[in-house]
PDB file of all heavy atoms in Angstrom:
ATOM      1  N   LEU A   1       0.841  -1.109  -0.033  1.00  0.00           N
ATOM      2  CA  LEU A   1       0.089  -0.011  -0.013  1.00  0.00           C
ATOM      3  C   LEU A   1       0.853   1.264   0.039  1.00  0.00           C
ATOM      4  O   LEU A   1       1.694   1.443   0.882  1.00  0.00           O
ATOM      5  CB  LEU A   1      -0.897   0.003   1.247  1.00  0.00           C
ATOM      6  CG  LEU A   1      -1.899   1.202   1.331  1.00  0.00           C
ATOM      7  CD1 LEU A   1      -2.827   1.228   0.156  1.00  0.00           C
ATOM      8  CD2 LEU A   1      -2.603   1.185   2.648  1.00  0.00           C
ATOM      9  N   VAL A   2       0.725   2.069  -0.985  1.00  0.00           N
ATOM     10  CA  VAL A   2       1.514   3.282  -1.132  1.00  0.00           C
ATOM     11  C   VAL A   2       0.721   4.449  -0.537  1.00  0.00           C
ATOM     12  O   VAL A   2      -0.497   4.610  -0.901  1.00  0.00           O
ATOM     13  CB  VAL A   2       1.912   3.471  -2.637  1.00  0.00           C
ATOM     14  CG1 VAL A   2       2.591   4.868  -2.753  1.00  0.00           C
ATOM     15  CG2 VAL A   2       2.636   2.352  -3.184  1.00  0.00           C
ATOM     16  N   LEU A   3       1.376   5.257   0.270  1.00  0.00           N
ATOM     17  CA  LEU A   3       0.678   6.401   0.888  1.00  0.00           C
ATOM     18  C   LEU A   3       1.483   7.697   0.595  1.00  0.00           C
ATOM     19  O   LEU A   3       2.718   7.612   0.354  1.00  0.00           O
ATOM     20  CB  LEU A   3       0.666   6.154   2.394  1.00  0.00           C
ATOM     21  CG  LEU A   3      -0.170   4.933   2.857  1.00  0.00           C
ATOM     22  CD1 LEU A   3       0.044   4.761   4.398  1.00  0.00           C
ATOM     23  CD2 LEU A   3      -1.643   5.106   2.555  1.00  0.00           C
ATOM     24  N   PRO A   4       0.866   8.864   0.570  1.00  0.00           N
ATOM     25  CA  PRO A   4       1.486  10.138   0.358  1.00  0.00           C
ATOM     26  C   PRO A   4       2.310  10.642   1.426  1.00  0.00           C
ATOM     27  O   PRO A   4       2.240  10.048   2.659  1.00  0.00           O
ATOM     28  CB  PRO A   4       0.299  11.030  -0.002  1.00  0.00           C
ATOM     29  CG  PRO A   4      -0.763  10.537   0.938  1.00  0.00           C
ATOM     30  CD  PRO A   4      -0.619   8.993   0.908  1.00  0.00           C
ATOM     31  N   PRO A   5       3.065  11.780   1.327  1.00  0.00           N
ATOM     32  CA  PRO A   5       3.967  12.257   2.290  1.00  0.00           C
ATOM     33  C   PRO A   5       3.133  12.638   3.594  1.00  0.00           C
ATOM     34  O   PRO A   5       3.627  12.367   4.697  1.00  0.00           O
ATOM     35  CB  PRO A   5       4.613  13.458   1.757  1.00  0.00           C
ATOM     36  CG  PRO A   5       4.450  13.280   0.147  1.00  0.00           C
ATOM     37  CD  PRO A   5       3.149  12.558   0.021  1.00  0.00           C
ATOM     38  N   ARG A   6       2.037  13.377   3.417  1.00  0.00           N
ATOM     39  CA  ARG A   6       1.267  13.819   4.649  1.00  0.00           C
ATOM     40  C   ARG A   6      -0.014  12.999   4.771  1.00  0.00           C
ATOM     41  O   ARG A   6      -0.779  12.933   4.057  1.00  0.00           O
ATOM     42  CB  ARG A   6       0.985  15.392   4.492  1.00  0.00           C
ATOM     43  CG  ARG A   6       2.205  16.215   4.621  1.00  0.00           C
ATOM     44  CD  ARG A   6       1.865  17.675   4.434  1.00  0.00           C
ATOM     45  NE  ARG A   6       1.439  17.905   2.979  1.00  0.00           N
ATOM     46  CZ  ARG A   6       2.313  18.069   2.021  1.00  0.00           C
ATOM     47  NH1 ARG A   6       3.517  17.971   2.156  1.00  0.00           N
ATOM     48  NH2 ARG A   6       1.766  18.217   0.715  1.00  0.00           N
ATOM     49  N   LEU A   7      -0.025  12.303   5.956  1.00  0.00           N
ATOM     50  CA  LEU A   7      -1.213  11.417   6.216  1.00  0.00           C
ATOM     51  C   LEU A   7      -2.289  12.207   6.991  1.00  0.00           C
ATOM     52  O   LEU A   7      -2.143  12.732   8.034  1.00  0.00           O
ATOM     53  CB  LEU A   7      -0.826  10.236   6.986  1.00  0.00           C
ATOM     54  CG  LEU A   7       0.384   9.281   6.392  1.00  0.00           C
ATOM     55  CD1 LEU A   7       0.629   8.064   7.203  1.00  0.00           C
ATOM     56  CD2 LEU A   7       0.006   9.019   4.926  1.00  0.00           C
ATOM     57  N   THR A   8      -3.528  11.986   6.477  1.00  0.00           N
ATOM     58  CA  THR A   8      -4.631  12.391   7.277  1.00  0.00           C
ATOM     59  C   THR A   8      -4.946  11.386   8.329  1.00  0.00           C
ATOM     60  O   THR A   8      -4.360  10.243   8.418  1.00  0.00           O
ATOM     61  CB  THR A   8      -5.936  12.452   6.305  1.00  0.00           C
ATOM     62  OG1 THR A   8      -6.200  11.093   5.848  1.00  0.00           O
ATOM     63  CG2 THR A   8      -5.639  13.388   5.085  1.00  0.00           C
ATOM     64  N   ALA A   9      -5.908  11.783   9.175  1.00  0.00           N
ATOM     65  CA  ALA A   9      -6.275  10.751  10.207  1.00  0.00           C
ATOM     66  C   ALA A   9      -6.824   9.504   9.661  1.00  0.00           C
ATOM     67  O   ALA A   9      -6.530   8.423  10.135  1.00  0.00           O
ATOM     68  CB  ALA A   9      -7.314  11.476  11.194  1.00  0.00           C
ATOM     69  N   SER A  10      -7.625   9.597   8.637  1.00  0.00           N
ATOM     70  CA  SER A  10      -8.134   8.435   7.968  1.00  0.00           C
ATOM     71  C   SER A  10      -6.993   7.571   7.347  1.00  0.00           C
ATOM     72  O   SER A  10      -7.030   6.355   7.414  1.00  0.00           O
ATOM     73  CB  SER A  10      -9.201   8.850   6.902  1.00  0.00           C
ATOM     74  OG  SER A  10     -10.354   9.185   7.509  1.00  0.00           O
ATOM     75  N   ALA A  11      -6.009   8.187   6.712  1.00  0.00           N
ATOM     76  CA  ALA A  11      -4.971   7.506   6.180  1.00  0.00           C
ATOM     77  C   ALA A  11      -4.092   6.729   7.218  1.00  0.00           C
ATOM     78  O   ALA A  11      -3.714   5.575   6.939  1.00  0.00           O
ATOM     79  CB  ALA A  11      -4.056   8.457   5.368  1.00  0.00           C
ATOM     80  N   ARG A  12      -4.002   7.351   8.356  1.00  0.00           N
ATOM     81  CA  ARG A  12      -3.320   6.675   9.478  1.00  0.00           C
ATOM     82  C   ARG A  12      -4.083   5.467   9.925  1.00  0.00           C
ATOM     83  O   ARG A  12      -3.579   4.392  10.237  1.00  0.00           O
ATOM     84  CB  ARG A  12      -3.058   7.618  10.664  1.00  0.00           C
ATOM     85  CG  ARG A  12      -1.947   8.636  10.341  1.00  0.00           C
ATOM     86  CD  ARG A  12      -1.540   9.377  11.565  1.00  0.00           C
ATOM     87  NE  ARG A  12      -2.512  10.258  12.075  1.00  0.00           N
ATOM     88  CZ  ARG A  12      -2.717  11.570  11.631  1.00  0.00           C
ATOM     89  NH1 ARG A  12      -1.966  12.071  10.682  1.00  0.00           N
ATOM     90  NH2 ARG A  12      -3.720  12.310  12.228  1.00  0.00           N
ATOM     91  N   THR A  13      -5.479   5.576  10.042  1.00  0.00           N
ATOM     92  CA  THR A  13      -6.290   4.478  10.390  1.00  0.00           C
ATOM     93  C   THR A  13      -6.243   3.342   9.367  1.00  0.00           C
ATOM     94  O   THR A  13      -6.110   2.209   9.781  1.00  0.00           O
ATOM     95  CB  THR A  13      -7.770   4.986  10.401  1.00  0.00           C
ATOM     96  OG1 THR A  13      -7.894   6.061  11.525  1.00  0.00           O
ATOM     97  CG2 THR A  13      -8.728   3.889  10.875  1.00  0.00           C
ATOM     98  N   LEU A  14      -6.279   3.725   8.127  1.00  0.00           N
ATOM     99  CA  LEU A  14      -6.126   2.696   7.032  1.00  0.00           C
ATOM    100  C   LEU A  14      -4.769   2.074   7.073  1.00  0.00           C
ATOM    101  O   LEU A  14      -4.659   0.831   6.780  1.00  0.00           O
ATOM    102  CB  LEU A  14      -6.453   3.285   5.715  1.00  0.00           C
ATOM    103  CG  LEU A  14      -7.931   3.648   5.474  1.00  0.00           C
ATOM    104  CD1 LEU A  14      -8.063   4.430   4.163  1.00  0.00           C
ATOM    105  CD2 LEU A  14      -8.884   2.374   5.548  1.00  0.00           C
ATOM    106  N   ARG A  15      -3.840   2.802   7.355  1.00  0.00           N
ATOM    107  CA  ARG A  15      -2.291   2.276   7.430  1.00  0.00           C
ATOM    108  C   ARG A  15      -2.385   1.148   8.494  1.00  0.00           C
ATOM    109  O   ARG A  15      -1.754   0.133   8.336  1.00  0.00           O
ATOM    110  CB  ARG A  15      -1.340   3.329   7.662  1.00  0.00           C
ATOM    111  CG  ARG A  15       0.110   2.836   7.822  1.00  0.00           C
ATOM    112  CD  ARG A  15       1.032   3.959   8.138  1.00  0.00           C
ATOM    113  NE  ARG A  15       0.758   4.696   9.395  1.00  0.00           N
ATOM    114  CZ  ARG A  15       1.355   5.697   9.895  1.00  0.00           C
ATOM    115  NH1 ARG A  15       2.473   6.178   9.129  1.00  0.00           N
ATOM    116  NH2 ARG A  15       1.046   6.259  10.962  1.00  0.00           N
ATOM    117  N   ALA A  16      -2.929   1.482   9.679  1.00  0.00           N
ATOM    118  CA  ALA A  16      -2.895   0.550  10.773  1.00  0.00           C
ATOM    119  C   ALA A  16      -3.672  -0.615  10.404  1.00  0.00           C
ATOM    120  O   ALA A  16      -3.266  -1.879  10.686  1.00  0.00           O
ATOM    121  CB  ALA A  16      -3.581   1.183  12.011  1.00  0.00           C
ATOM    122  N   ALA A  17      -4.846  -0.589   9.715  1.00  0.00           N
ATOM    123  CA  ALA A  17      -5.590  -1.778   9.269  1.00  0.00           C
ATOM    124  C   ALA A  17      -4.674  -2.590   8.209  1.00  0.00           C
ATOM    125  O   ALA A  17      -4.738  -3.796   8.373  1.00  0.00           O
ATOM    126  CB  ALA A  17      -6.902  -1.260   8.657  1.00  0.00           C
ATOM    127  N   ALA A  18      -4.005  -1.840   7.389  1.00  0.00           N
ATOM    128  CA  ALA A  18      -3.163  -2.648   6.417  1.00  0.00           C
ATOM    129  C   ALA A  18      -2.014  -3.416   7.068  1.00  0.00           C
ATOM    130  O   ALA A  18      -1.756  -4.522   6.707  1.00  0.00           O
ATOM    131  CB  ALA A  18      -2.682  -1.665   5.425  1.00  0.00           C
ATOM    132  N   LEU A  19      -1.426  -2.708   8.095  1.00  0.00           N
ATOM    133  CA  LEU A  19      -0.313  -3.454   8.830  1.00  0.00           C
ATOM    134  C   LEU A  19      -0.866  -4.599   9.547  1.00  0.00           C
ATOM    135  O   LEU A  19      -0.204  -5.683   9.550  1.00  0.00           O
ATOM    136  CB  LEU A  19       0.307  -2.481   9.735  1.00  0.00           C
ATOM    137  CG  LEU A  19       1.183  -1.371   9.134  1.00  0.00           C
ATOM    138  CD1 LEU A  19       1.691  -0.274  10.057  1.00  0.00           C
ATOM    139  CD2 LEU A  19       2.389  -1.938   8.444  1.00  0.00           C
ATOM    140  N   ARG A  20      -2.072  -4.514  10.113  1.00  0.00           N
ATOM    141  CA  ARG A  20      -2.616  -5.673  10.820  1.00  0.00           C
ATOM    142  C   ARG A  20      -2.912  -6.768   9.857  1.00  0.00           C
ATOM    143  O   ARG A  20      -2.793  -7.983  10.201  1.00  0.00           O
ATOM    144  CB  ARG A  20      -3.977  -5.258  11.487  1.00  0.00           C
ATOM    145  CG  ARG A  20      -3.768  -4.368  12.767  1.00  0.00           C
ATOM    146  CD  ARG A  20      -5.093  -4.403  13.605  1.00  0.00           C
ATOM    147  NE  ARG A  20      -6.251  -3.941  12.783  1.00  0.00           N
ATOM    148  CZ  ARG A  20      -6.548  -2.599  12.700  1.00  0.00           C
ATOM    149  NH1 ARG A  20      -5.783  -1.694  13.354  1.00  0.00           N
ATOM    150  NH2 ARG A  20      -7.582  -2.237  12.004  1.00  0.00           N
ATOM    151  N   ARG A  21      -3.212  -6.444   8.605  1.00  0.00           N
ATOM    152  CA  ARG A  21      -3.539  -7.453   7.563  1.00  0.00           C
ATOM    153  C   ARG A  21      -2.277  -8.088   6.998  1.00  0.00           C
ATOM    154  O   ARG A  21      -2.338  -8.978   6.185  1.00  0.00           O
ATOM    155  CB  ARG A  21      -4.427  -6.899   6.536  1.00  0.00           C
ATOM    156  CG  ARG A  21      -5.051  -7.809   5.647  1.00  0.00           C
ATOM    157  CD  ARG A  21      -6.070  -7.204   4.658  1.00  0.00           C
ATOM    158  NE  ARG A  21      -7.074  -6.626   5.260  1.00  0.00           N
ATOM    159  CZ  ARG A  21      -8.174  -6.153   4.580  1.00  0.00           C
ATOM    160  NH1 ARG A  21      -8.196  -6.197   3.267  1.00  0.00           N
ATOM    161  NH2 ARG A  21      -9.136  -5.505   5.272  1.00  0.00           N
ATOM    162  N   GLY A  22      -1.078  -7.393   7.272  1.00  0.00           N
ATOM    163  CA  GLY A  22       0.199  -8.026   6.747  1.00  0.00           C
ATOM    164  C   GLY A  22       0.659  -7.334   5.417  1.00  0.00           C
ATOM    165  O   GLY A  22       1.527  -7.803   4.766  1.00  0.00           O
ATOM    166  N   LEU A  23       0.024  -6.126   5.074  1.00  0.00           N
ATOM    167  CA  LEU A  23       0.496  -5.430   3.917  1.00  0.00           C
ATOM    168  C   LEU A  23       1.724  -4.684   4.210  1.00  0.00           C
ATOM    169  O   LEU A  23       2.040  -4.254   5.329  1.00  0.00           O
ATOM    170  CB  LEU A  23      -0.563  -4.394   3.420  1.00  0.00           C
ATOM    171  CG  LEU A  23      -1.726  -4.938   2.481  1.00  0.00           C
ATOM    172  CD1 LEU A  23      -2.638  -5.768   3.299  1.00  0.00           C
ATOM    173  CD2 LEU A  23      -2.432  -3.768   1.823  1.00  0.00           C
ATOM    174  N   ARG A  24       2.611  -4.635   3.194  1.00  0.00           N
ATOM    175  CA  ARG A  24       3.835  -3.736   3.298  1.00  0.00           C
ATOM    176  C   ARG A  24       3.373  -2.332   3.026  1.00  0.00           C
ATOM    177  O   ARG A  24       2.659  -1.920   2.008  1.00  0.00           O
ATOM    178  CB  ARG A  24       4.866  -4.199   2.200  1.00  0.00           C
ATOM    179  CG  ARG A  24       6.107  -3.307   2.187  1.00  0.00           C
ATOM    180  CD  ARG A  24       6.932  -3.509   3.461  1.00  0.00           C
ATOM    181  NE  ARG A  24       8.053  -2.699   3.407  1.00  0.00           N
ATOM    182  CZ  ARG A  24       9.335  -3.152   3.142  1.00  0.00           C
ATOM    183  NH1 ARG A  24       9.441  -4.351   2.677  1.00  0.00           N
ATOM    184  NH2 ARG A  24      10.331  -2.361   3.127  1.00  0.00           N
ATOM    185  N   ILE A  25       3.839  -1.373   3.817  1.00  0.00           N
ATOM    186  CA  ILE A  25       3.535   0.062   3.608  1.00  0.00           C
ATOM    187  C   ILE A  25       4.750   0.858   2.972  1.00  0.00           C
ATOM    188  O   ILE A  25       5.822   0.672   3.518  1.00  0.00           O
ATOM    189  CB  ILE A  25       3.137   0.750   4.939  1.00  0.00           C
ATOM    190  CG1 ILE A  25       1.921   0.047   5.505  1.00  0.00           C
ATOM    191  CG2 ILE A  25       2.832   2.172   4.766  1.00  0.00           C
ATOM    192  CD1 ILE A  25       0.667  -0.009   4.775  1.00  0.00           C
ATOM    193  N   VAL A  26       4.470   1.564   1.927  1.00  0.00           N
ATOM    194  CA  VAL A  26       5.518   2.447   1.325  1.00  0.00           C
ATOM    195  C   VAL A  26       5.037   3.893   1.438  1.00  0.00           C
ATOM    196  O   VAL A  26       3.885   4.227   0.817  1.00  0.00           O
ATOM    197  CB  VAL A  26       5.831   2.014  -0.119  1.00  0.00           C
ATOM    198  CG1 VAL A  26       6.816   3.032  -0.743  1.00  0.00           C
ATOM    199  CG2 VAL A  26       6.407   0.636  -0.139  1.00  0.00           C
ATOM    200  N   GLU A  27       5.650   4.730   2.167  1.00  0.00           N
ATOM    201  CA  GLU A  27       5.254   6.141   2.295  1.00  0.00           C
ATOM    202  C   GLU A  27       6.244   7.037   1.587  1.00  0.00           C
ATOM    203  O   GLU A  27       7.490   6.896   1.674  1.00  0.00           O
ATOM    204  CB  GLU A  27       5.212   6.493   3.775  1.00  0.00           C
ATOM    205  CG  GLU A  27       4.069   5.791   4.591  1.00  0.00           C
ATOM    206  CD  GLU A  27       4.035   6.348   6.061  1.00  0.00           C
ATOM    207  OE1 GLU A  27       4.299   7.456   6.234  1.00  0.00           O
ATOM    208  OE2 GLU A  27       3.751   5.436   6.898  1.00  0.00           O
ATOM    209  N   ALA A  28       5.714   7.944   0.783  1.00  0.00           N
ATOM    210  CA  ALA A  28       6.477   8.939   0.211  1.00  0.00           C
ATOM    211  C   ALA A  28       7.049   9.961   1.194  1.00  0.00           C
ATOM    212  O   ALA A  28       6.529  10.083   2.245  1.00  0.00           O
ATOM    213  CB  ALA A  28       5.651   9.750  -0.835  1.00  0.00           C
ATOM    214  N   THR A  29       8.201  10.459   0.873  1.00  0.00           N
ATOM    215  CA  THR A  29       8.860  11.404   1.805  1.00  0.00           C
ATOM    216  C   THR A  29       8.735  12.844   1.214  1.00  0.00           C
ATOM    217  O   THR A  29       7.634  13.354   1.163  1.00  0.00           O
ATOM    218  CB  THR A  29      10.286  11.002   2.095  1.00  0.00           C
ATOM    219  OG1 THR A  29      10.985  10.847   0.840  1.00  0.00           O
ATOM    220  CG2 THR A  29      10.213   9.699   2.857  1.00  0.00           C
ATOM    221  N   ALA A  30       9.881  13.387   0.854  1.00  0.00           N
ATOM    222  CA  ALA A  30       9.868  14.633   0.365  1.00  0.00           C
ATOM    223  C   ALA A  30       9.255  14.935  -1.039  1.00  0.00           C
ATOM    224  O   ALA A  30       8.633  15.920  -1.394  1.00  0.00           O
ATOM    225  CB  ALA A  30      11.248  15.277   0.386  1.00  0.00           C
ATOM    226  N   SER A  31       9.486  13.897  -1.933  1.00  0.00           N
ATOM    227  CA  SER A  31       9.007  14.098  -3.243  1.00  0.00           C
ATOM    228  C   SER A  31       7.604  13.541  -3.446  1.00  0.00           C
ATOM    229  O   SER A  31       7.161  12.782  -2.646  1.00  0.00           O
ATOM    230  CB  SER A  31      10.109  13.313  -4.237  1.00  0.00           C
ATOM    231  OG  SER A  31      10.137  11.962  -3.933  1.00  0.00           O
ATOM    232  N   ALA A  32       7.028  13.731  -4.642  1.00  0.00           N
ATOM    233  CA  ALA A  32       5.726  13.221  -4.919  1.00  0.00           C
ATOM    234  C   ALA A  32       5.702  11.749  -5.094  1.00  0.00           C
ATOM    235  O   ALA A  32       4.780  11.068  -4.703  1.00  0.00           O
ATOM    236  CB  ALA A  32       5.158  13.923  -6.161  1.00  0.00           C
ATOM    237  N   VAL A  33       6.772  11.193  -5.627  1.00  0.00           N
ATOM    238  CA  VAL A  33       6.890   9.778  -5.934  1.00  0.00           C
ATOM    239  C   VAL A  33       7.921   9.221  -5.015  1.00  0.00           C
ATOM    240  O   VAL A  33       9.231   9.812  -5.072  1.00  0.00           O
ATOM    241  CB  VAL A  33       7.196   9.507  -7.378  1.00  0.00           C
ATOM    242  CG1 VAL A  33       7.251   7.984  -7.639  1.00  0.00           C
ATOM    243  CG2 VAL A  33       6.147  10.190  -8.233  1.00  0.00           C
ATOM    244  N   PRO A  34       7.741   8.159  -4.191  1.00  0.00           N
ATOM    245  CA  PRO A  34       8.858   7.574  -3.491  1.00  0.00           C
ATOM    246  C   PRO A  34      10.064   7.262  -4.404  1.00  0.00           C
ATOM    247  O   PRO A  34       9.856   6.685  -5.551  1.00  0.00           O
ATOM    248  CB  PRO A  34       8.326   6.313  -2.923  1.00  0.00           C
ATOM    249  CG  PRO A  34       6.922   6.611  -2.784  1.00  0.00           C
ATOM    250  CD  PRO A  34       6.535   7.447  -3.957  1.00  0.00           C
ATOM    251  N   GLU A  35      11.276   7.647  -4.046  1.00  0.00           N
ATOM    252  CA  GLU A  35      12.425   7.499  -4.807  1.00  0.00           C
ATOM    253  C   GLU A  35      12.561   6.061  -5.434  1.00  0.00           C
ATOM    254  O   GLU A  35      12.635   5.071  -4.650  1.00  0.00           O
ATOM    255  CB  GLU A  35      13.683   7.845  -4.124  1.00  0.00           C
ATOM    256  CG  GLU A  35      14.935   7.855  -5.043  1.00  0.00           C
ATOM    257  CD  GLU A  35      16.133   8.338  -4.209  1.00  0.00           C
ATOM    258  OE1 GLU A  35      16.040   8.711  -3.053  1.00  0.00           O
ATOM    259  OE2 GLU A  35      17.205   8.345  -4.798  1.00  0.00           O
ATOM    260  N   GLY A  36      12.693   5.962  -6.744  1.00  0.00           N
ATOM    261  CA  GLY A  36      12.934   4.632  -7.419  1.00  0.00           C
ATOM    262  C   GLY A  36      11.618   3.821  -7.595  1.00  0.00           C
ATOM    263  O   GLY A  36      11.663   2.800  -8.283  1.00  0.00           O
ATOM    264  N   LEU A  37      10.533   4.237  -7.067  1.00  0.00           N
ATOM    265  CA  LEU A  37       9.341   3.507  -7.066  1.00  0.00           C
ATOM    266  C   LEU A  37       8.820   3.461  -8.632  1.00  0.00           C
ATOM    267  O   LEU A  37       8.735   4.437  -9.327  1.00  0.00           O
ATOM    268  CB  LEU A  37       8.198   4.206  -6.344  1.00  0.00           C
ATOM    269  CG  LEU A  37       7.045   3.239  -5.798  1.00  0.00           C
ATOM    270  CD1 LEU A  37       7.598   2.118  -4.964  1.00  0.00           C
ATOM    271  CD2 LEU A  37       6.084   4.088  -5.059  1.00  0.00           C
ATOM    272  N   GLY A  38       8.601   2.171  -9.060  1.00  0.00           N
ATOM    273  CA  GLY A  38       8.185   2.065 -10.416  1.00  0.00           C
ATOM    274  C   GLY A  38       9.313   1.830 -11.403  1.00  0.00           C
ATOM    275  O   GLY A  38       9.031   1.371 -12.526  1.00  0.00           O
ATOM    276  N   SER A  39      10.598   2.075 -10.942  1.00  0.00           N
ATOM    277  CA  SER A  39      11.720   1.786 -11.891  1.00  0.00           C
ATOM    278  C   SER A  39      12.057   0.375 -11.786  1.00  0.00           C
ATOM    279  O   SER A  39      11.724  -0.323 -10.782  1.00  0.00           O
ATOM    280  CB  SER A  39      12.843   2.743 -11.476  1.00  0.00           C
ATOM    281  OG  SER A  39      13.261   2.495 -10.227  1.00  0.00           O
ATOM    282  N   PRO A  40      12.904  -0.166 -12.726  1.00  0.00           N
ATOM    283  CA  PRO A  40      13.364  -1.465 -12.526  1.00  0.00           C
ATOM    284  C   PRO A  40      14.123  -1.693 -11.297  1.00  0.00           C
ATOM    285  O   PRO A  40      14.933  -1.020 -10.869  1.00  0.00           O
ATOM    286  CB  PRO A  40      14.356  -1.658 -13.847  1.00  0.00           C
ATOM    287  CG  PRO A  40      13.848  -0.638 -14.744  1.00  0.00           C
ATOM    288  CD  PRO A  40      13.366   0.563 -13.954  1.00  0.00           C
ATOM    289  N   GLY A  41      13.726  -2.814 -10.620  1.00  0.00           N
ATOM    290  CA  GLY A  41      14.381  -3.281  -9.298  1.00  0.00           C
ATOM    291  C   GLY A  41      13.802  -2.373  -8.117  1.00  0.00           C
ATOM    292  O   GLY A  41      14.403  -2.464  -7.034  1.00  0.00           O
ATOM    293  N   TRP A  42      12.660  -1.685  -8.305  1.00  0.00           N
ATOM    294  CA  TRP A  42      12.144  -0.838  -7.211  1.00  0.00           C
ATOM    295  C   TRP A  42      11.800  -1.710  -6.019  1.00  0.00           C
ATOM    296  O   TRP A  42      11.890  -1.267  -4.962  1.00  0.00           O
ATOM    297  CB  TRP A  42      10.987  -0.039  -7.744  1.00  0.00           C
ATOM    298  CG  TRP A  42       9.770  -0.788  -7.937  1.00  0.00           C
ATOM    299  CD1 TRP A  42       9.289  -1.253  -9.103  1.00  0.00           C
ATOM    300  CD2 TRP A  42       8.701  -1.064  -6.964  1.00  0.00           C
ATOM    301  NE1 TRP A  42       8.158  -1.905  -9.014  1.00  0.00           N
ATOM    302  CE2 TRP A  42       7.750  -1.754  -7.755  1.00  0.00           C
ATOM    303  CE3 TRP A  42       8.541  -0.810  -5.632  1.00  0.00           C
ATOM    304  CZ2 TRP A  42       6.509  -2.249  -7.074  1.00  0.00           C
ATOM    305  CZ3 TRP A  42       7.353  -1.293  -5.091  1.00  0.00           C
ATOM    306  CH2 TRP A  42       6.349  -1.996  -5.737  1.00  0.00           C
TER     307      TRP A  42
END
């Protein structure tokens, strides 16, 4: 589950639900797209 840099309260709630379910969480940091995401070997 990919999430944006700034999380709303709902996004944090869904992140917690996803973690409980065993999903891997990828959060963007400073840039719009997490570095390397979507490129070969990401």
